[in-house]
């Protein structure tokens, strides 16, 4: 039995570019971007209160929309599996 269940639909923040620092100390954009995904969670033990967890999902500019959606769903599933193990 799962220890936690998702309540509602996960909420995505605005996407943000991911930068790195070059050899001159300047920030330069990478080919990746991130989004915060807030997940409402309900503990199934009937004792603990509901809570929200935010995870980060990183995507590559070469991915199409379907691939990004699939990756984000996988990131949520991976998180849920980790807390329900």
Protein backbone atom coordinates (compact mmCIF):
# COMPACT_ATOMS: atom_id res chain seq x y z
CA UNK A 1 0.00 0.00 0.00
CA UNK A 2 1.24 3.48 -0.85
CA UNK A 3 2.30 5.71 2.03
CA UNK A 4 1.50 8.89 0.06
CA UNK A 5 -0.95 9.81 -2.68
CA UNK A 6 -0.99 12.84 -4.97
CA UNK A 7 -3.83 15.25 -4.34
CA UNK A 8 -4.91 17.33 -7.30
CA UNK A 9 -2.84 18.18 -10.33
CA UNK A 10 0.87 19.01 -9.94
CA UNK A 11 1.54 22.73 -10.50
CA UNK A 12 4.38 23.87 -12.76
CA UNK A 13 6.31 27.10 -12.25
CA UNK A 14 7.53 29.18 -15.17
CA UNK A 15 10.43 27.55 -16.98
CA UNK A 16 13.88 29.02 -16.28
CA UNK A 17 17.14 28.82 -18.16
CA UNK A 18 20.06 26.98 -16.63
CA UNK A 19 23.41 28.76 -16.78
CA UNK A 20 27.01 27.72 -16.27
CA UNK A 21 30.13 29.78 -15.69
CA UNK A 22 32.73 29.94 -18.47
CA UNK A 23 36.51 30.19 -18.11
CA UNK A 24 36.23 34.00 -17.80
CA UNK A 25 33.79 33.79 -14.91
CA UNK A 26 30.82 34.88 -17.04
CA UNK A 27 27.46 33.16 -16.82
CA UNK A 28 26.47 31.57 -20.12
CA UNK A 29 23.24 29.71 -20.93
CA UNK A 30 23.31 25.94 -21.39
CA UNK A 31 21.06 23.90 -23.67
CA UNK A 32 18.88 23.01 -20.68
CA UNK A 33 16.07 24.60 -18.72
CA UNK A 34 14.24 23.74 -15.56
CA UNK A 35 10.82 23.93 -14.00
CA UNK A 36 9.67 23.51 -10.41
CA UNK A 37 6.81 21.04 -9.99
CA UNK A 38 4.76 21.40 -6.80
CA UNK A 39 3.00 18.19 -5.80
CA UNK A 40 0.22 18.08 -3.21
CA UNK A 41 0.59 14.93 -1.10
CA UNK A 42 -1.75 13.10 1.23
CA UNK A 43 -0.25 10.67 3.78
CA UNK A 44 -2.40 7.55 3.88
CA UNK A 45 -1.70 6.85 7.57
CA UNK A 46 -4.54 9.15 8.66
CA UNK A 47 -2.25 10.86 11.14
CA UNK A 48 0.06 13.25 9.31
CA UNK A 49 -1.40 16.32 7.56
CA UNK A 50 -1.38 16.88 3.81
CA UNK A 51 1.68 18.73 2.52
CA UNK A 52 3.30 20.02 -0.66
CA UNK A 53 6.68 18.98 -2.07
CA UNK A 54 8.46 20.83 -4.86
CA UNK A 55 10.77 18.92 -7.19
CA UNK A 56 12.92 20.21 -10.06
CA UNK A 57 12.63 18.80 -13.57
CA UNK A 58 15.39 19.62 -16.06
CA UNK A 59 14.79 19.39 -19.83
CA UNK A 60 17.02 19.77 -22.87
CA UNK A 61 16.24 22.22 -25.67
CA UNK A 62 16.38 19.36 -28.20
CA UNK A 63 13.37 17.63 -26.61
CA UNK A 64 9.94 18.11 -28.20
CA UNK A 65 6.87 18.93 -26.12
CA UNK A 66 5.74 15.32 -25.84
CA UNK A 67 9.20 14.25 -24.62
CA UNK A 68 9.24 17.05 -22.03
CA UNK A 69 5.76 16.10 -20.77
CA UNK A 70 6.79 12.44 -20.55
CA UNK A 71 9.99 13.34 -18.69
CA UNK A 72 8.12 15.51 -16.17
CA UNK A 73 5.62 12.72 -15.52
CA UNK A 74 8.55 10.33 -15.03
CA UNK A 75 10.20 12.75 -12.57
CA UNK A 76 6.95 12.82 -10.55
CA UNK A 77 6.65 9.02 -10.69
CA UNK A 78 10.29 8.61 -9.61
CA UNK A 79 9.71 10.90 -6.64
CA UNK A 80 6.53 9.07 -5.65
CA UNK A 81 8.32 5.72 -5.88
CA UNK A 82 11.13 7.04 -3.68
CA UNK A 83 8.80 8.13 -0.87
CA UNK A 84 6.59 5.05 -1.10
CA UNK A 85 9.46 2.55 -1.02
